[in-house]
Amino acid sequence: MKVIAKVKIKNALGLHARPATMIAKLLQGSKCAVSFTYRKETVNARSIMSVLMLAASKNSHITITADGEDAEKVVQKLVDAFENKFGE
C-alpha cells in the first residue's frame, strides 16, 4: 500500500544532522520503502546523507512517500516527528 503525506519543516536549522539521524532510527525495522521529495529531488529517507543533501531549510515542504506493509504507521510516525520538531 502506498501512503503520501506533505510536511513542513519547523526546525530553525532545517533538516540538519540531528533530525536526519532520528529519521533513520525511526525507519529501522520498518517493512516499507520510504522516500522524501523536495523541489524536484527524491531521495531514500533511510539514508542520512541523502536526507542531508536535500538541504531543506525551515518552512520548506517535503513530500513523504511510503510503500509497503506498514506504510500508514510509518508515515504517521514521521508526520508526528516533523510536527514535534524532532524534539528540539
N, C-alpha and C. Protein backbone atom coordinates (compact mmCIF):
# COMPACT_ATOMS: atom_id res chain seq x y z
N MET A 1 0.83 -1.18 0.00
CA MET A 1 0.00 0.00 0.00
C MET A 1 0.89 1.25 0.00
N LYS A 2 0.50 2.23 -0.78
CA LYS A 2 1.29 3.46 -0.90
C LYS A 2 0.59 4.58 -0.12
N VAL A 3 1.37 5.28 0.72
CA VAL A 3 0.85 6.39 1.51
C VAL A 3 1.71 7.61 1.25
N ILE A 4 1.06 8.76 1.01
CA ILE A 4 1.78 10.00 0.73
C ILE A 4 1.30 11.08 1.69
N ALA A 5 2.25 11.85 2.23
CA ALA A 5 1.91 12.96 3.13
C ALA A 5 2.85 14.12 2.87
N LYS A 6 2.36 15.33 3.09
CA LYS A 6 3.21 16.52 2.97
C LYS A 6 3.43 17.08 4.36
N VAL A 7 4.67 17.48 4.64
CA VAL A 7 5.01 18.06 5.94
C VAL A 7 5.80 19.34 5.75
N LYS A 8 5.75 20.18 6.76
CA LYS A 8 6.50 21.44 6.75
C LYS A 8 7.62 21.31 7.78
N ILE A 9 8.81 21.72 7.39
CA ILE A 9 9.94 21.67 8.30
C ILE A 9 9.87 22.87 9.24
N LYS A 10 9.79 22.58 10.54
CA LYS A 10 9.63 23.64 11.53
C LYS A 10 10.93 23.94 12.28
N ASN A 11 11.93 23.08 12.13
CA ASN A 11 13.19 23.28 12.83
C ASN A 11 13.90 24.53 12.33
N ALA A 12 14.45 25.30 13.26
CA ALA A 12 15.13 26.55 12.91
C ALA A 12 16.28 26.32 11.92
N LEU A 13 16.97 25.20 12.07
CA LEU A 13 18.11 24.91 11.19
C LEU A 13 17.74 24.06 9.99
N GLY A 14 16.45 23.82 9.80
CA GLY A 14 16.02 23.00 8.68
C GLY A 14 16.25 21.53 8.95
N LEU A 15 16.38 20.76 7.91
CA LEU A 15 16.57 19.32 8.03
C LEU A 15 18.07 19.05 8.12
N HIS A 16 18.61 19.15 9.34
CA HIS A 16 20.05 19.00 9.55
C HIS A 16 20.36 17.62 10.11
N ALA A 17 21.58 17.43 10.62
CA ALA A 17 22.06 16.11 11.02
C ALA A 17 21.22 15.43 12.10
N ARG A 18 20.82 16.15 13.13
CA ARG A 18 20.07 15.50 14.22
C ARG A 18 18.73 14.95 13.73
N PRO A 19 17.91 15.75 13.03
CA PRO A 19 16.66 15.18 12.52
C PRO A 19 16.89 14.04 11.52
N ALA A 20 17.91 14.17 10.68
CA ALA A 20 18.20 13.12 9.69
C ALA A 20 18.53 11.80 10.39
N THR A 21 19.28 11.88 11.48
CA THR A 21 19.63 10.69 12.26
C THR A 21 18.39 10.10 12.90
N MET A 22 17.52 10.97 13.44
CA MET A 22 16.29 10.49 14.07
C MET A 22 15.37 9.82 13.06
N ILE A 23 15.35 10.34 11.84
CA ILE A 23 14.54 9.74 10.78
C ILE A 23 15.05 8.33 10.47
N ALA A 24 16.36 8.19 10.33
CA ALA A 24 16.96 6.89 10.03
C ALA A 24 16.65 5.89 11.15
N LYS A 25 16.75 6.32 12.41
CA LYS A 25 16.45 5.43 13.54
C LYS A 25 14.97 5.06 13.56
N LEU A 26 14.12 6.02 13.27
CA LEU A 26 12.67 5.78 13.26
C LEU A 26 12.29 4.75 12.19
N LEU A 27 13.03 4.73 11.09
CA LEU A 27 12.71 3.83 9.98
C LEU A 27 13.30 2.44 10.15
N GLN A 28 14.20 2.26 11.14
CA GLN A 28 14.78 0.94 11.36
C GLN A 28 13.68 -0.05 11.70
N GLY A 29 13.71 -1.19 11.08
CA GLY A 29 12.75 -2.23 11.37
C GLY A 29 11.43 -2.10 10.61
N SER A 30 11.25 -1.00 9.90
CA SER A 30 10.01 -0.86 9.13
C SER A 30 10.12 -1.70 7.86
N LYS A 31 8.96 -2.10 7.35
CA LYS A 31 8.94 -3.02 6.20
C LYS A 31 8.51 -2.32 4.92
N CYS A 32 8.75 -1.02 4.84
CA CYS A 32 8.33 -0.31 3.63
C CYS A 32 9.45 0.58 3.10
N ALA A 33 9.34 0.91 1.83
CA ALA A 33 10.28 1.83 1.21
C ALA A 33 9.78 3.24 1.47
N VAL A 34 10.68 4.12 1.94
CA VAL A 34 10.28 5.49 2.26
C VAL A 34 11.18 6.46 1.52
N SER A 35 10.54 7.45 0.88
CA SER A 35 11.33 8.46 0.18
C SER A 35 10.80 9.84 0.53
N PHE A 36 11.70 10.83 0.43
CA PHE A 36 11.36 12.24 0.63
C PHE A 36 11.55 12.95 -0.70
N THR A 37 10.63 13.83 -1.04
CA THR A 37 10.77 14.64 -2.24
C THR A 37 10.75 16.10 -1.83
N TYR A 38 11.77 16.82 -2.27
CA TYR A 38 11.88 18.26 -2.00
C TYR A 38 12.30 18.91 -3.31
N ARG A 39 11.54 19.92 -3.70
CA ARG A 39 11.69 20.53 -5.03
C ARG A 39 11.51 19.41 -6.04
N LYS A 40 12.49 19.12 -6.87
CA LYS A 40 12.31 18.04 -7.84
C LYS A 40 13.22 16.85 -7.56
N GLU A 41 13.76 16.80 -6.33
CA GLU A 41 14.69 15.73 -5.98
C GLU A 41 14.03 14.75 -5.01
N THR A 42 14.15 13.48 -5.31
CA THR A 42 13.60 12.43 -4.44
C THR A 42 14.75 11.57 -3.94
N VAL A 43 14.77 11.33 -2.61
CA VAL A 43 15.85 10.55 -2.01
C VAL A 43 15.29 9.47 -1.09
N ASN A 44 16.12 8.49 -0.80
CA ASN A 44 15.79 7.42 0.14
C ASN A 44 15.85 8.01 1.55
N ALA A 45 14.74 7.98 2.28
CA ALA A 45 14.69 8.58 3.62
C ALA A 45 15.51 7.82 4.65
N ARG A 46 15.90 6.59 4.35
CA ARG A 46 16.72 5.80 5.28
C ARG A 46 18.18 6.25 5.28
N SER A 47 18.58 6.97 4.26
CA SER A 47 19.97 7.40 4.13
C SER A 47 20.16 8.81 4.71
N ILE A 48 20.93 8.89 5.78
CA ILE A 48 21.18 10.18 6.43
C ILE A 48 21.81 11.16 5.45
N MET A 49 22.78 10.68 4.69
CA MET A 49 23.46 11.57 3.73
C MET A 49 22.50 12.08 2.66
N SER A 50 21.63 11.21 2.17
CA SER A 50 20.66 11.63 1.15
C SER A 50 19.70 12.68 1.69
N VAL A 51 19.24 12.48 2.92
CA VAL A 51 18.33 13.45 3.54
C VAL A 51 19.04 14.79 3.71
N LEU A 52 20.31 14.76 4.13
CA LEU A 52 21.07 16.00 4.30
C LEU A 52 21.30 16.71 2.96
N MET A 53 21.48 15.93 1.90
CA MET A 53 21.74 16.51 0.58
C MET A 53 20.53 17.25 0.01
N LEU A 54 19.34 17.01 0.57
CA LEU A 54 18.17 17.77 0.14
C LEU A 54 18.32 19.25 0.50
N ALA A 55 19.09 19.51 1.56
CA ALA A 55 19.34 20.89 2.02
C ALA A 55 18.02 21.65 2.21
N ALA A 56 17.06 20.99 2.83
CA ALA A 56 15.75 21.60 3.06
C ALA A 56 15.81 22.52 4.28
N SER A 57 15.46 23.77 4.09
CA SER A 57 15.53 24.76 5.17
C SER A 57 14.20 24.89 5.89
N LYS A 58 14.20 25.72 6.94
CA LYS A 58 12.98 25.95 7.72
C LYS A 58 11.87 26.45 6.79
N ASN A 59 10.65 26.01 7.08
CA ASN A 59 9.44 26.35 6.33
C ASN A 59 9.36 25.71 4.95
N SER A 60 10.29 24.82 4.63
CA SER A 60 10.22 24.07 3.37
C SER A 60 9.16 22.99 3.51
N HIS A 61 8.61 22.56 2.40
CA HIS A 61 7.62 21.48 2.39
C HIS A 61 8.23 20.26 1.73
N ILE A 62 8.10 19.12 2.41
CA ILE A 62 8.63 17.86 1.91
C ILE A 62 7.47 16.89 1.73
N THR A 63 7.53 16.09 0.68
CA THR A 63 6.52 15.05 0.46
C THR A 63 7.13 13.72 0.89
N ILE A 64 6.44 13.04 1.79
CA ILE A 64 6.86 11.71 2.26
C ILE A 64 6.05 10.68 1.48
N THR A 65 6.75 9.71 0.92
CA THR A 65 6.07 8.61 0.22
C THR A 65 6.55 7.30 0.82
N ALA A 66 5.61 6.49 1.27
CA ALA A 66 5.95 5.18 1.82
C ALA A 66 5.15 4.12 1.08
N ASP A 67 5.80 3.03 0.76
CA ASP A 67 5.14 1.95 0.02
C ASP A 67 5.53 0.62 0.65
N GLY A 68 4.55 -0.08 1.21
CA GLY A 68 4.82 -1.37 1.83
C GLY A 68 3.81 -1.70 2.90
N GLU A 69 4.10 -2.79 3.63
CA GLU A 69 3.19 -3.32 4.66
C GLU A 69 2.75 -2.30 5.70
N ASP A 70 3.72 -1.67 6.33
CA ASP A 70 3.43 -0.77 7.46
C ASP A 70 3.51 0.70 7.07
N ALA A 71 3.22 1.01 5.82
CA ALA A 71 3.36 2.37 5.30
C ALA A 71 2.56 3.40 6.10
N GLU A 72 1.31 3.09 6.43
CA GLU A 72 0.47 4.04 7.17
C GLU A 72 1.07 4.40 8.51
N LYS A 73 1.51 3.37 9.25
CA LYS A 73 2.09 3.57 10.58
C LYS A 73 3.38 4.39 10.49
N VAL A 74 4.22 4.07 9.53
CA VAL A 74 5.50 4.75 9.36
C VAL A 74 5.29 6.22 8.99
N VAL A 75 4.39 6.49 8.07
CA VAL A 75 4.13 7.87 7.66
C VAL A 75 3.60 8.67 8.85
N GLN A 76 2.72 8.06 9.65
CA GLN A 76 2.18 8.77 10.82
C GLN A 76 3.29 9.11 11.81
N LYS A 77 4.21 8.18 12.04
CA LYS A 77 5.35 8.43 12.94
C LYS A 77 6.20 9.59 12.42
N LEU A 78 6.45 9.60 11.11
CA LEU A 78 7.25 10.67 10.52
C LEU A 78 6.55 12.01 10.61
N VAL A 79 5.26 12.04 10.31
CA VAL A 79 4.49 13.29 10.39
C VAL A 79 4.55 13.83 11.82
N ASP A 80 4.36 12.95 12.80
CA ASP A 80 4.42 13.36 14.20
C ASP A 80 5.80 13.92 14.54
N ALA A 81 6.85 13.27 14.07
CA ALA A 81 8.21 13.74 14.34
C ALA A 81 8.45 15.12 13.75
N PHE A 82 8.00 15.35 12.51
CA PHE A 82 8.14 16.68 11.89
C PHE A 82 7.34 17.72 12.67
N GLU A 83 6.13 17.36 13.09
CA GLU A 83 5.27 18.29 13.85
C GLU A 83 5.91 18.69 15.18
N ASN A 84 6.59 17.73 15.81
CA ASN A 84 7.23 17.98 17.11
C ASN A 84 8.66 18.48 17.00
N LYS A 85 9.06 18.89 15.79
CA LYS A 85 10.40 19.42 15.52
C LYS A 85 11.50 18.45 15.96
N PHE A 86 11.22 17.16 15.91
CA PHE A 86 12.19 16.12 16.28
C PHE A 86 12.71 16.33 17.70
N GLY A 87 11.87 16.86 18.56
CA GLY A 87 12.24 17.03 19.97
C GLY A 87 13.13 18.22 20.26
N GLU A 88 13.35 19.08 19.28
CA GLU A 88 14.23 20.23 19.51
C GLU A 88 13.47 21.36 20.18
